[in-house]
Amino acid sequence: CKAASAVLVKTLRFVQNVPCFQELPLEEQLLLVRSCWAPLLLLGLAQDRVPLETVESAEPSMLQRILTARRHGEHTPHRAPAPPPGRGHHSPHPPSAGEIQAIKGFLAKCWSLDISTKEYAYLKGTVLFNPDLPGLQCTQYIEGLQREAQQALNEHVRLIHRGDEARFAKLNVVLSLLRSINANVIAELFFRPIIGAVNMDDMLLEMLCAKL
């Protein structure tokens, strides 16, 4: 969680230092960041080669709780305590083993390709400048920026990896893997233990407006 927090700060600092991003209105900036913070974070984790180790902890079943209570002389289970203020009325859904495996698979794919710093930057640009988001006003400008990021990536790959004609396609597979990972899963896995029920949108707005 600490590593992910550090990568998120570094990621938003990267975004803020992109000149064409700074030229966008704040509302547009926030829309873009809200939609892509999770894939950008995963690219940052891959770039920094942060290992993802998880340990499964089995929650006791309701039957186990009742039996344990009876062993202690409590013949009726206690009513579940009310959730603390600001936490809502339902517990967050923990990431499944399949969802965690998808994240591990994404990281492994990036590491197997040995993606360079420049390639990561162009991939982040492609993810950041998404013209398909509802509510955007500068759609054509943002679409142009995404196209430039893809063209720069293609040219870089052709220059540096002349013998690997499939590399550009492999890097686009990385982008497709990113789209299959839910941002809520990333929030639950890396940030819920730190920020509790604090809304990620609120936190991103604060970080975006702060001088990181």
N, C-alpha and C. Protein backbone atom coordinates (compact mmCIF):
# COMPACT_ATOMS: atom_id res chain seq x y z
N CYS A 1 0.83 -1.21 0.00
CA CYS A 1 0.00 0.00 0.00
C CYS A 1 0.87 1.26 0.00
N LYS A 2 1.95 1.23 0.80
CA LYS A 2 2.84 2.40 0.84
C LYS A 2 3.50 2.61 -0.50
N ALA A 3 3.93 1.51 -1.14
CA ALA A 3 4.57 1.62 -2.45
C ALA A 3 3.60 2.18 -3.48
N ALA A 4 2.35 1.71 -3.44
CA ALA A 4 1.34 2.19 -4.38
C ALA A 4 1.06 3.67 -4.17
N SER A 5 1.03 4.11 -2.91
CA SER A 5 0.80 5.52 -2.63
C SER A 5 1.92 6.38 -3.20
N ALA A 6 3.15 5.90 -3.03
CA ALA A 6 4.30 6.64 -3.56
C ALA A 6 4.25 6.70 -5.08
N VAL A 7 3.85 5.60 -5.71
CA VAL A 7 3.75 5.56 -7.17
C VAL A 7 2.62 6.47 -7.65
N LEU A 8 1.52 6.56 -6.90
CA LEU A 8 0.42 7.44 -7.29
C LEU A 8 0.87 8.90 -7.27
N VAL A 9 1.62 9.28 -6.24
CA VAL A 9 2.14 10.65 -6.17
C VAL A 9 3.06 10.92 -7.35
N LYS A 10 3.94 9.97 -7.63
CA LYS A 10 4.88 10.12 -8.75
C LYS A 10 4.12 10.20 -10.09
N THR A 11 3.06 9.40 -10.20
CA THR A 11 2.26 9.38 -11.43
C THR A 11 1.58 10.72 -11.67
N LEU A 12 0.97 11.28 -10.61
CA LEU A 12 0.29 12.57 -10.77
C LEU A 12 1.29 13.69 -11.02
N ARG A 13 2.49 13.54 -10.46
CA ARG A 13 3.54 14.53 -10.73
C ARG A 13 3.92 14.47 -12.21
N PHE A 14 4.02 13.25 -12.75
CA PHE A 14 4.32 13.07 -14.18
C PHE A 14 3.24 13.75 -15.03
N VAL A 15 1.97 13.50 -14.66
CA VAL A 15 0.85 14.07 -15.41
C VAL A 15 0.89 15.58 -15.38
N GLN A 16 1.14 16.15 -14.20
CA GLN A 16 1.16 17.61 -14.06
C GLN A 16 2.30 18.25 -14.86
N ASN A 17 3.34 17.48 -15.13
CA ASN A 17 4.49 18.03 -15.85
C ASN A 17 4.38 17.87 -17.36
N VAL A 18 3.26 17.33 -17.84
CA VAL A 18 3.03 17.24 -19.28
C VAL A 18 2.45 18.58 -19.74
N PRO A 19 3.20 19.36 -20.52
CA PRO A 19 2.75 20.72 -20.87
C PRO A 19 1.36 20.77 -21.51
N CYS A 20 1.06 19.87 -22.44
CA CYS A 20 -0.25 19.92 -23.12
C CYS A 20 -1.38 19.55 -22.17
N PHE A 21 -1.08 18.82 -21.10
CA PHE A 21 -2.10 18.52 -20.09
C PHE A 21 -2.40 19.78 -19.28
N GLN A 22 -1.37 20.55 -18.97
CA GLN A 22 -1.54 21.78 -18.19
C GLN A 22 -2.37 22.82 -18.94
N GLU A 23 -2.36 22.75 -20.26
CA GLU A 23 -3.11 23.72 -21.06
C GLU A 23 -4.62 23.47 -21.03
N LEU A 24 -5.02 22.29 -20.60
CA LEU A 24 -6.44 21.96 -20.54
C LEU A 24 -7.10 22.64 -19.35
N PRO A 25 -8.40 22.96 -19.43
CA PRO A 25 -9.13 23.49 -18.27
C PRO A 25 -9.09 22.47 -17.12
N LEU A 26 -9.17 22.97 -15.89
CA LEU A 26 -9.07 22.10 -14.72
C LEU A 26 -10.14 21.00 -14.74
N GLU A 27 -11.36 21.36 -15.20
CA GLU A 27 -12.43 20.37 -15.24
C GLU A 27 -12.07 19.21 -16.18
N GLU A 28 -11.44 19.54 -17.31
CA GLU A 28 -11.03 18.51 -18.26
C GLU A 28 -9.90 17.65 -17.66
N GLN A 29 -8.96 18.32 -16.98
CA GLN A 29 -7.87 17.60 -16.33
C GLN A 29 -8.42 16.58 -15.33
N LEU A 30 -9.37 17.01 -14.53
CA LEU A 30 -9.92 16.14 -13.50
C LEU A 30 -10.68 14.97 -14.12
N LEU A 31 -11.44 15.24 -15.19
CA LEU A 31 -12.15 14.16 -15.88
C LEU A 31 -11.18 13.10 -16.38
N LEU A 32 -10.09 13.54 -16.99
CA LEU A 32 -9.10 12.60 -17.52
C LEU A 32 -8.45 11.79 -16.40
N VAL A 33 -8.05 12.48 -15.33
CA VAL A 33 -7.35 11.79 -14.24
C VAL A 33 -8.29 10.81 -13.53
N ARG A 34 -9.54 11.21 -13.33
CA ARG A 34 -10.50 10.32 -12.67
C ARG A 34 -10.67 9.02 -13.45
N SER A 35 -10.62 9.13 -14.76
CA SER A 35 -10.89 7.95 -15.60
C SER A 35 -9.66 7.05 -15.76
N CYS A 36 -8.46 7.61 -15.58
CA CYS A 36 -7.26 6.82 -15.94
C CYS A 36 -6.26 6.66 -14.80
N TRP A 37 -6.60 7.13 -13.58
CA TRP A 37 -5.60 7.03 -12.52
C TRP A 37 -5.18 5.59 -12.25
N ALA A 38 -6.14 4.65 -12.34
CA ALA A 38 -5.83 3.25 -12.03
C ALA A 38 -4.89 2.63 -13.06
N PRO A 39 -5.18 2.72 -14.38
CA PRO A 39 -4.22 2.18 -15.35
C PRO A 39 -2.87 2.89 -15.31
N LEU A 40 -2.86 4.20 -15.06
CA LEU A 40 -1.59 4.91 -14.93
C LEU A 40 -0.80 4.39 -13.73
N LEU A 41 -1.52 4.13 -12.63
CA LEU A 41 -0.87 3.59 -11.43
C LEU A 41 -0.25 2.22 -11.73
N LEU A 42 -1.00 1.36 -12.43
CA LEU A 42 -0.48 0.03 -12.75
C LEU A 42 0.75 0.12 -13.65
N LEU A 43 0.74 1.05 -14.59
CA LEU A 43 1.93 1.26 -15.42
C LEU A 43 3.10 1.73 -14.57
N GLY A 44 2.81 2.58 -13.58
CA GLY A 44 3.86 3.05 -12.67
C GLY A 44 4.41 1.93 -11.80
N LEU A 45 3.53 1.06 -11.31
CA LEU A 45 3.97 -0.09 -10.51
C LEU A 45 4.85 -1.02 -11.35
N ALA A 46 4.45 -1.21 -12.61
CA ALA A 46 5.24 -2.05 -13.50
C ALA A 46 6.60 -1.41 -13.78
N GLN A 47 6.59 -0.10 -14.04
CA GLN A 47 7.84 0.60 -14.34
C GLN A 47 8.80 0.56 -13.17
N ASP A 48 8.28 0.70 -11.96
CA ASP A 48 9.13 0.66 -10.76
C ASP A 48 9.39 -0.76 -10.26
N ARG A 49 8.82 -1.73 -10.98
CA ARG A 49 8.98 -3.15 -10.64
C ARG A 49 8.62 -3.43 -9.18
N VAL A 50 7.47 -2.92 -8.78
CA VAL A 50 6.95 -3.16 -7.43
C VAL A 50 6.33 -4.55 -7.39
N PRO A 51 6.85 -5.47 -6.55
CA PRO A 51 6.28 -6.81 -6.49
C PRO A 51 4.93 -6.80 -5.79
N LEU A 52 4.02 -7.60 -6.28
CA LEU A 52 2.69 -7.70 -5.68
C LEU A 52 2.58 -9.06 -5.01
N GLU A 53 2.75 -9.08 -3.70
CA GLU A 53 2.61 -10.31 -2.93
C GLU A 53 1.34 -10.23 -2.11
N THR A 54 0.50 -11.25 -2.21
CA THR A 54 -0.75 -11.27 -1.45
C THR A 54 -0.81 -12.53 -0.61
N VAL A 55 -1.43 -12.39 0.55
CA VAL A 55 -1.61 -13.52 1.47
C VAL A 55 -3.10 -13.66 1.73
N GLU A 56 -3.64 -14.82 1.48
CA GLU A 56 -5.06 -15.05 1.72
C GLU A 56 -5.30 -15.27 3.20
N SER A 57 -6.28 -14.57 3.75
CA SER A 57 -6.68 -14.78 5.15
C SER A 57 -8.14 -15.15 5.16
N ALA A 58 -8.42 -16.36 5.61
CA ALA A 58 -9.79 -16.87 5.58
C ALA A 58 -10.62 -16.24 6.69
N GLU A 59 -11.73 -15.62 6.31
CA GLU A 59 -12.67 -15.06 7.29
C GLU A 59 -13.46 -16.22 7.91
N PRO A 60 -13.67 -16.23 9.23
CA PRO A 60 -14.48 -17.28 9.83
C PRO A 60 -15.92 -17.20 9.33
N SER A 61 -16.51 -18.36 9.03
CA SER A 61 -17.88 -18.37 8.53
C SER A 61 -18.85 -18.04 9.66
N MET A 62 -20.09 -17.73 9.28
CA MET A 62 -21.11 -17.44 10.29
C MET A 62 -21.30 -18.62 11.22
N LEU A 63 -21.24 -19.85 10.66
CA LEU A 63 -21.38 -21.05 11.49
C LEU A 63 -20.25 -21.14 12.51
N GLN A 64 -19.02 -20.86 12.07
CA GLN A 64 -17.89 -20.90 12.99
C GLN A 64 -18.06 -19.88 14.11
N ARG A 65 -18.59 -18.70 13.77
CA ARG A 65 -18.79 -17.66 14.79
C ARG A 65 -19.82 -18.10 15.82
N ILE A 66 -20.91 -18.71 15.34
CA ILE A 66 -21.96 -19.17 16.26
C ILE A 66 -21.41 -20.25 17.19
N LEU A 67 -20.67 -21.21 16.62
CA LEU A 67 -20.12 -22.29 17.43
C LEU A 67 -19.11 -21.77 18.44
N THR A 68 -18.28 -20.82 18.00
CA THR A 68 -17.30 -20.24 18.92
C THR A 68 -17.99 -19.50 20.06
N ALA A 69 -19.06 -18.76 19.71
CA ALA A 69 -19.81 -18.03 20.74
C ALA A 69 -20.44 -19.00 21.74
N ARG A 70 -20.95 -20.12 21.26
CA ARG A 70 -21.60 -21.08 22.16
C ARG A 70 -20.58 -21.75 23.07
N ARG A 71 -19.38 -21.95 22.57
CA ARG A 71 -18.36 -22.55 23.43
C ARG A 71 -18.04 -21.63 24.60
N HIS A 72 -18.26 -20.34 24.37
CA HIS A 72 -18.00 -19.38 25.44
C HIS A 72 -19.27 -19.07 26.22
N GLY A 73 -20.31 -19.89 26.04
CA GLY A 73 -21.53 -19.71 26.82
C GLY A 73 -22.49 -18.70 26.27
N GLU A 74 -22.26 -18.24 25.02
CA GLU A 74 -23.15 -17.25 24.40
C GLU A 74 -24.01 -18.00 23.39
N HIS A 75 -25.27 -18.25 23.74
CA HIS A 75 -26.12 -19.11 22.92
C HIS A 75 -26.74 -18.39 21.74
N THR A 76 -26.66 -17.08 21.71
CA THR A 76 -27.19 -16.34 20.56
C THR A 76 -26.12 -15.42 20.03
N PRO A 77 -25.94 -15.37 18.73
CA PRO A 77 -24.90 -14.49 18.18
C PRO A 77 -25.26 -13.03 18.38
N HIS A 78 -24.23 -12.24 18.61
CA HIS A 78 -24.44 -10.79 18.76
C HIS A 78 -24.85 -10.18 17.44
N ARG A 79 -25.64 -9.14 17.52
CA ARG A 79 -25.98 -8.38 16.32
C ARG A 79 -24.73 -7.68 15.80
N ALA A 80 -24.57 -7.64 14.51
CA ALA A 80 -23.39 -7.00 13.93
C ALA A 80 -23.34 -5.54 14.33
N PRO A 81 -22.16 -5.04 14.72
CA PRO A 81 -22.06 -3.63 15.12
C PRO A 81 -22.35 -2.70 13.96
N ALA A 82 -22.84 -1.54 14.29
CA ALA A 82 -23.15 -0.54 13.26
C ALA A 82 -21.86 -0.08 12.62
N PRO A 83 -21.88 0.23 11.31
CA PRO A 83 -20.66 0.70 10.66
C PRO A 83 -20.25 2.05 11.20
N PRO A 84 -18.93 2.32 11.28
CA PRO A 84 -18.48 3.61 11.78
C PRO A 84 -18.95 4.74 10.89
N PRO A 85 -19.02 5.99 11.43
CA PRO A 85 -19.53 7.12 10.65
C PRO A 85 -18.75 7.31 9.36
N GLY A 86 -19.49 7.59 8.31
CA GLY A 86 -18.85 7.88 7.03
C GLY A 86 -18.46 6.66 6.23
N ARG A 87 -18.74 5.45 6.75
CA ARG A 87 -18.31 4.24 6.06
C ARG A 87 -19.43 3.58 5.27
N GLY A 88 -20.61 4.13 5.30
CA GLY A 88 -21.71 3.54 4.55
C GLY A 88 -22.30 2.37 5.29
N HIS A 89 -23.24 1.69 4.68
CA HIS A 89 -23.95 0.61 5.32
C HIS A 89 -23.59 -0.76 4.77
N HIS A 90 -22.55 -0.84 3.97
CA HIS A 90 -22.12 -2.15 3.48
C HIS A 90 -20.61 -2.19 3.44
N SER A 91 -20.07 -3.37 3.69
CA SER A 91 -18.62 -3.50 3.67
C SER A 91 -18.13 -3.56 2.23
N PRO A 92 -16.95 -2.99 1.94
CA PRO A 92 -16.43 -3.01 0.58
C PRO A 92 -16.16 -4.44 0.12
N HIS A 93 -16.35 -4.67 -1.16
CA HIS A 93 -16.13 -6.00 -1.72
C HIS A 93 -14.63 -6.23 -1.90
N PRO A 94 -14.05 -7.20 -1.21
CA PRO A 94 -12.61 -7.43 -1.35
C PRO A 94 -12.29 -7.99 -2.73
N PRO A 95 -11.13 -7.65 -3.29
CA PRO A 95 -10.77 -8.17 -4.61
C PRO A 95 -10.72 -9.69 -4.60
N SER A 96 -11.21 -10.30 -5.66
CA SER A 96 -11.20 -11.76 -5.77
C SER A 96 -9.81 -12.23 -6.19
N ALA A 97 -9.60 -13.54 -6.06
CA ALA A 97 -8.33 -14.12 -6.48
C ALA A 97 -8.11 -13.90 -7.97
N GLY A 98 -9.19 -13.99 -8.75
CA GLY A 98 -9.08 -13.78 -10.19
C GLY A 98 -8.68 -12.35 -10.54
N GLU A 99 -9.24 -11.39 -9.81
CA GLU A 99 -8.92 -9.98 -10.06
C GLU A 99 -7.46 -9.68 -9.70
N ILE A 100 -7.01 -10.25 -8.59
CA ILE A 100 -5.61 -10.06 -8.20
C ILE A 100 -4.68 -10.74 -9.21
N GLN A 101 -5.08 -11.91 -9.70
CA GLN A 101 -4.27 -12.62 -10.68
C GLN A 101 -4.17 -11.83 -11.98
N ALA A 102 -5.23 -11.12 -12.35
CA ALA A 102 -5.20 -10.29 -13.56
C ALA A 102 -4.17 -9.17 -13.42
N ILE A 103 -4.09 -8.59 -12.22
CA ILE A 103 -3.10 -7.53 -11.98
C ILE A 103 -1.69 -8.12 -12.05
N LYS A 104 -1.49 -9.27 -11.43
CA LYS A 104 -0.18 -9.93 -11.46
C LYS A 104 0.20 -10.29 -12.90
N GLY A 105 -0.80 -10.74 -13.67
CA GLY A 105 -0.55 -11.08 -15.07
C GLY A 105 -0.13 -9.88 -15.88
N PHE A 106 -0.77 -8.74 -15.60
CA PHE A 106 -0.41 -7.50 -16.30
C PHE A 106 1.04 -7.11 -15.99
N LEU A 107 1.41 -7.14 -14.70
CA LEU A 107 2.77 -6.77 -14.31
C LEU A 107 3.78 -7.72 -14.95
N ALA A 108 3.47 -9.01 -14.93
CA ALA A 108 4.39 -10.00 -15.52
C ALA A 108 4.57 -9.75 -17.02
N LYS A 109 3.48 -9.37 -17.70
CA LYS A 109 3.56 -9.08 -19.14
C LYS A 109 4.48 -7.89 -19.40
N CYS A 110 4.34 -6.85 -18.60
CA CYS A 110 5.20 -5.66 -18.75
C CYS A 110 6.67 -6.02 -18.53
N TRP A 111 6.92 -6.79 -17.48
CA TRP A 111 8.31 -7.14 -17.14
C TRP A 111 8.91 -8.06 -18.19
N SER A 112 8.09 -8.92 -18.78
CA SER A 112 8.62 -9.83 -19.82
C SER A 112 9.01 -9.06 -21.07
N LEU A 113 8.34 -7.93 -21.32
CA LEU A 113 8.66 -7.11 -22.49
C LEU A 113 9.83 -6.16 -22.22
N ASP A 114 10.21 -6.02 -20.94
CA ASP A 114 11.30 -5.12 -20.56
C ASP A 114 11.08 -3.72 -21.17
N ILE A 115 9.93 -3.15 -20.86
CA ILE A 115 9.52 -1.85 -21.43
C ILE A 115 10.45 -0.75 -20.95
N SER A 116 10.86 0.11 -21.86
CA SER A 116 11.79 1.19 -21.54
C SER A 116 11.06 2.39 -20.94
N THR A 117 11.83 3.34 -20.39
CA THR A 117 11.25 4.54 -19.80
C THR A 117 10.43 5.33 -20.82
N LYS A 118 10.97 5.47 -22.04
CA LYS A 118 10.26 6.22 -23.09
C LYS A 118 8.98 5.50 -23.48
N GLU A 119 9.04 4.19 -23.59
CA GLU A 119 7.84 3.43 -23.95
C GLU A 119 6.76 3.57 -22.89
N TYR A 120 7.16 3.53 -21.62
CA TYR A 120 6.19 3.74 -20.55
C TYR A 120 5.56 5.13 -20.67
N ALA A 121 6.38 6.13 -20.98
CA ALA A 121 5.86 7.50 -21.10
C ALA A 121 4.82 7.61 -22.22
N TYR A 122 5.10 6.98 -23.36
CA TYR A 122 4.15 7.02 -24.48
C TYR A 122 2.88 6.22 -24.18
N LEU A 123 3.05 5.10 -23.47
CA LEU A 123 1.87 4.32 -23.06
C LEU A 123 1.00 5.14 -22.11
N LYS A 124 1.64 5.83 -21.18
CA LYS A 124 0.89 6.68 -20.24
C LYS A 124 0.17 7.80 -20.97
N GLY A 125 0.82 8.37 -21.98
CA GLY A 125 0.18 9.42 -22.77
C GLY A 125 -1.04 8.90 -23.50
N THR A 126 -0.94 7.69 -24.03
CA THR A 126 -2.07 7.08 -24.73
C THR A 126 -3.24 6.85 -23.79
N VAL A 127 -2.93 6.42 -22.56
CA VAL A 127 -3.96 6.16 -21.56
C VAL A 127 -4.57 7.47 -21.05
N LEU A 128 -3.72 8.45 -20.79
CA LEU A 128 -4.16 9.72 -20.20
C LEU A 128 -5.11 10.47 -21.14
N PHE A 129 -4.73 10.60 -22.39
CA PHE A 129 -5.51 11.40 -23.33
C PHE A 129 -6.55 10.52 -24.02
N ASN A 130 -7.65 10.30 -23.32
CA ASN A 130 -8.73 9.46 -23.82
C ASN A 130 -9.88 10.34 -24.31
N PRO A 131 -10.05 10.46 -25.63
CA PRO A 131 -11.08 11.37 -26.16
C PRO A 131 -12.50 10.82 -26.05
N ASP A 132 -12.64 9.57 -25.64
CA ASP A 132 -13.96 8.93 -25.63
C ASP A 132 -14.74 9.15 -24.34
N LEU A 133 -14.18 9.90 -23.40
CA LEU A 133 -14.86 10.12 -22.13
C LEU A 133 -16.06 11.05 -22.30
N PRO A 134 -17.20 10.70 -21.72
CA PRO A 134 -18.35 11.61 -21.76
C PRO A 134 -18.09 12.86 -20.92
N GLY A 135 -18.53 13.99 -21.42
CA GLY A 135 -18.37 15.24 -20.68
C GLY A 135 -17.19 16.09 -21.10
N LEU A 136 -16.32 15.57 -21.95
CA LEU A 136 -15.16 16.34 -22.40
C LEU A 136 -15.58 17.40 -23.42
N GLN A 137 -14.95 18.56 -23.33
CA GLN A 137 -15.22 19.64 -24.29
C GLN A 137 -14.13 19.72 -25.36
N CYS A 138 -12.91 19.41 -24.97
CA CYS A 138 -11.76 19.53 -25.88
C CYS A 138 -11.47 18.19 -26.55
N THR A 139 -12.50 17.55 -27.08
CA THR A 139 -12.37 16.18 -27.59
C THR A 139 -11.35 16.07 -28.72
N GLN A 140 -11.42 16.96 -29.69
CA GLN A 140 -10.53 16.87 -30.85
C GLN A 140 -9.08 17.08 -30.44
N TYR A 141 -8.86 18.03 -29.54
CA TYR A 141 -7.50 18.32 -29.06
C TYR A 141 -6.93 17.09 -28.33
N ILE A 142 -7.74 16.50 -27.47
CA ILE A 142 -7.31 15.34 -26.70
C ILE A 142 -7.09 14.13 -27.61
N GLU A 143 -7.96 13.98 -28.61
CA GLU A 143 -7.78 12.90 -29.58
C GLU A 143 -6.46 13.04 -30.34
N GLY A 144 -6.13 14.28 -30.67
CA GLY A 144 -4.86 14.54 -31.35
C GLY A 144 -3.66 14.19 -30.48
N LEU A 145 -3.77 14.48 -29.19
CA LEU A 145 -2.68 14.17 -28.26
C LEU A 145 -2.50 12.66 -28.12
N GLN A 146 -3.62 11.93 -28.07
CA GLN A 146 -3.53 10.47 -27.99
C GLN A 146 -2.89 9.90 -29.25
N ARG A 147 -3.28 10.44 -30.39
CA ARG A 147 -2.72 9.98 -31.66
C ARG A 147 -1.21 10.26 -31.72
N GLU A 148 -0.79 11.43 -31.22
CA GLU A 148 0.63 11.76 -31.19
C GLU A 148 1.41 10.80 -30.30
N ALA A 149 0.83 10.43 -29.15
CA ALA A 149 1.49 9.50 -28.25
C ALA A 149 1.68 8.14 -28.91
N GLN A 150 0.65 7.67 -29.62
CA GLN A 150 0.74 6.38 -30.32
C GLN A 150 1.76 6.44 -31.46
N GLN A 151 1.77 7.54 -32.19
CA GLN A 151 2.73 7.68 -33.29
C GLN A 151 4.16 7.73 -32.76
N ALA A 152 4.36 8.46 -31.66
CA ALA A 152 5.70 8.55 -31.05
C ALA A 152 6.16 7.18 -30.57
N LEU A 153 5.23 6.41 -29.99
CA LEU A 153 5.57 5.06 -29.54
C LEU A 153 5.95 4.19 -30.73
N ASN A 154 5.18 4.26 -31.79
CA ASN A 154 5.45 3.45 -32.99
C ASN A 154 6.81 3.79 -33.58
N GLU A 155 7.11 5.08 -33.69
CA GLU A 155 8.39 5.51 -34.26
C GLU A 155 9.55 5.08 -33.37
N HIS A 156 9.37 5.21 -32.06
CA HIS A 156 10.43 4.81 -31.13
C HIS A 156 10.72 3.31 -31.25
N VAL A 157 9.66 2.51 -31.32
CA VAL A 157 9.82 1.06 -31.43
C VAL A 157 10.52 0.69 -32.73
N ARG A 158 10.13 1.33 -33.83
CA ARG A 158 10.76 1.04 -35.13
C ARG A 158 12.23 1.41 -35.14
N LEU A 159 12.58 2.45 -34.38
CA LEU A 159 13.97 2.92 -34.35
C LEU A 159 14.84 2.04 -33.44
N ILE A 160 14.32 1.72 -32.27
CA ILE A 160 15.11 1.01 -31.26
C ILE A 160 15.02 -0.51 -31.42
N HIS A 161 13.86 -1.01 -31.85
CA HIS A 161 13.65 -2.46 -31.95
C HIS A 161 13.39 -2.85 -33.41
N ARG A 162 14.36 -2.58 -34.25
CA ARG A 162 14.17 -2.82 -35.69
C ARG A 162 13.94 -4.29 -36.01
N GLY A 163 14.50 -5.17 -35.21
CA GLY A 163 14.35 -6.60 -35.49
C GLY A 163 13.08 -7.21 -34.94
N ASP A 164 12.33 -6.43 -34.18
CA ASP A 164 11.11 -6.96 -33.55
C ASP A 164 9.90 -6.22 -34.12
N GLU A 165 9.39 -6.72 -35.24
CA GLU A 165 8.29 -6.04 -35.91
C GLU A 165 6.97 -6.14 -35.13
N ALA A 166 6.89 -7.11 -34.21
CA ALA A 166 5.65 -7.32 -33.46
C ALA A 166 5.62 -6.54 -32.14
N ARG A 167 6.69 -5.81 -31.83
CA ARG A 167 6.75 -5.18 -30.51
C ARG A 167 5.65 -4.14 -30.31
N PHE A 168 5.37 -3.34 -31.32
CA PHE A 168 4.33 -2.32 -31.18
C PHE A 168 2.99 -2.97 -30.86
N ALA A 169 2.70 -4.08 -31.53
CA ALA A 169 1.46 -4.81 -31.26
C ALA A 169 1.45 -5.38 -29.85
N LYS A 170 2.61 -5.86 -29.40
CA LYS A 170 2.71 -6.41 -28.03
C LYS A 170 2.46 -5.32 -26.99
N LEU A 171 2.96 -4.13 -27.25
CA LEU A 171 2.74 -3.02 -26.31
C LEU A 171 1.27 -2.61 -26.29
N ASN A 172 0.60 -2.74 -27.42
CA ASN A 172 -0.83 -2.43 -27.44
C ASN A 172 -1.65 -3.50 -26.73
N VAL A 173 -1.11 -4.72 -26.67
CA VAL A 173 -1.75 -5.77 -25.86
C VAL A 173 -1.72 -5.37 -24.39
N VAL A 174 -0.62 -4.73 -23.97
CA VAL A 174 -0.51 -4.23 -22.60
C VAL A 174 -1.65 -3.25 -22.31
N LEU A 175 -1.94 -2.38 -23.27
CA LEU A 175 -3.04 -1.42 -23.09
C LEU A 175 -4.39 -2.13 -23.00
N SER A 176 -4.57 -3.18 -23.78
CA SER A 176 -5.84 -3.90 -23.72
C SER A 176 -5.99 -4.63 -22.39
N LEU A 177 -4.89 -5.13 -21.83
CA LEU A 177 -4.94 -5.76 -20.51
C LEU A 177 -5.34 -4.75 -19.45
N LEU A 178 -4.86 -3.53 -19.59
CA LEU A 178 -5.19 -2.47 -18.64
C LEU A 178 -6.69 -2.20 -18.60
N ARG A 179 -7.32 -2.23 -19.77
CA ARG A 179 -8.75 -1.90 -19.85
C ARG A 179 -9.61 -2.94 -19.15
N SER A 180 -9.07 -4.13 -18.95
CA SER A 180 -9.86 -5.20 -18.33
C SER A 180 -9.79 -5.18 -16.80
N ILE A 181 -8.99 -4.27 -16.23
CA ILE A 181 -8.82 -4.21 -14.77
C ILE A 181 -9.65 -3.06 -14.22
N ASN A 182 -10.51 -3.36 -13.26
CA ASN A 182 -11.44 -2.39 -12.70
C ASN A 182 -10.73 -1.46 -11.70
N ALA A 183 -11.01 -0.16 -11.83
CA ALA A 183 -10.39 0.82 -10.93
C ALA A 183 -10.81 0.60 -9.48
N ASN A 184 -12.05 0.14 -9.26
CA ASN A 184 -12.51 -0.12 -7.89
C ASN A 184 -11.68 -1.21 -7.22
N VAL A 185 -11.25 -2.18 -8.00
CA VAL A 185 -10.40 -3.25 -7.47
C VAL A 185 -9.06 -2.67 -7.02
N ILE A 186 -8.50 -1.76 -7.82
CA ILE A 186 -7.23 -1.12 -7.47
C ILE A 186 -7.39 -0.29 -6.19
N ALA A 187 -8.50 0.43 -6.10
CA ALA A 187 -8.75 1.26 -4.90
C ALA A 187 -8.87 0.39 -3.66
N GLU A 188 -9.61 -0.71 -3.75
CA GLU A 188 -9.80 -1.60 -2.61
C GLU A 188 -8.48 -2.26 -2.19
N LEU A 189 -7.70 -2.68 -3.18
CA LEU A 189 -6.49 -3.44 -2.90
C LEU A 189 -5.38 -2.58 -2.32
N PHE A 190 -5.18 -1.37 -2.88
CA PHE A 190 -4.02 -0.57 -2.51
C PHE A 190 -4.32 0.60 -1.58
N PHE A 191 -5.57 1.12 -1.60
CA PHE A 191 -5.81 2.37 -0.87
C PHE A 191 -6.84 2.28 0.24
N ARG A 192 -7.75 1.30 0.18
CA ARG A 192 -8.74 1.17 1.25
C ARG A 192 -8.08 1.00 2.61
N PRO A 193 -7.00 0.18 2.74
CA PRO A 193 -6.36 0.04 4.06
C PRO A 193 -5.77 1.35 4.59
N ILE A 194 -5.51 2.31 3.67
CA ILE A 194 -4.88 3.58 4.10
C ILE A 194 -5.90 4.69 4.29
N ILE A 195 -6.80 4.86 3.31
CA ILE A 195 -7.73 6.00 3.35
C ILE A 195 -9.11 5.61 3.81
N GLY A 196 -9.35 4.32 4.07
CA GLY A 196 -10.68 3.91 4.52
C GLY A 196 -11.71 4.22 3.47
N ALA A 197 -12.78 4.88 3.88
CA ALA A 197 -13.89 5.14 2.96
C ALA A 197 -13.77 6.47 2.23
N VAL A 198 -12.61 7.12 2.32
CA VAL A 198 -12.43 8.39 1.62
C VAL A 198 -12.59 8.16 0.11
N ASN A 199 -13.34 9.04 -0.53
CA ASN A 199 -13.61 8.91 -1.96
C ASN A 199 -12.34 9.17 -2.76
N MET A 200 -12.02 8.25 -3.70
CA MET A 200 -10.81 8.41 -4.50
C MET A 200 -10.88 9.68 -5.35
N ASP A 201 -12.07 10.03 -5.85
CA ASP A 201 -12.20 11.25 -6.65
C ASP A 201 -11.79 12.48 -5.84
N ASP A 202 -12.23 12.52 -4.57
CA ASP A 202 -11.88 13.65 -3.71
C ASP A 202 -10.37 13.71 -3.49
N MET A 203 -9.77 12.54 -3.26
CA MET A 203 -8.34 12.50 -3.02
C MET A 203 -7.56 12.93 -4.26
N LEU A 204 -8.01 12.48 -5.42
CA LEU A 204 -7.34 12.84 -6.67
C LEU A 204 -7.43 14.34 -6.93
N LEU A 205 -8.60 14.93 -6.63
CA LEU A 205 -8.77 16.37 -6.82
C LEU A 205 -7.80 17.13 -5.93
N GLU A 206 -7.68 16.72 -4.67
CA GLU A 206 -6.76 17.38 -3.75
C GLU A 206 -5.33 17.27 -4.25
N MET A 207 -4.95 16.06 -4.69
CA MET A 207 -3.58 15.84 -5.16
C MET A 207 -3.30 16.60 -6.45
N LEU A 208 -4.33 16.67 -7.31
CA LEU A 208 -4.13 17.35 -8.60
C LEU A 208 -3.94 18.84 -8.40
N CYS A 209 -4.64 19.39 -7.41
CA CYS A 209 -4.55 20.84 -7.16
C CYS A 209 -3.34 21.20 -6.29
N ALA A 210 -2.72 20.19 -5.68
CA ALA A 210 -1.56 20.43 -4.81
C ALA A 210 -0.30 20.42 -5.66
N LYS A 211 0.72 21.07 -5.14
CA LYS A 211 2.02 21.05 -5.81
C LYS A 211 2.80 19.85 -5.27
N LEU A 212 2.76 18.76 -6.03
CA LEU A 212 3.39 17.52 -5.59
C LEU A 212 4.91 17.59 -5.72
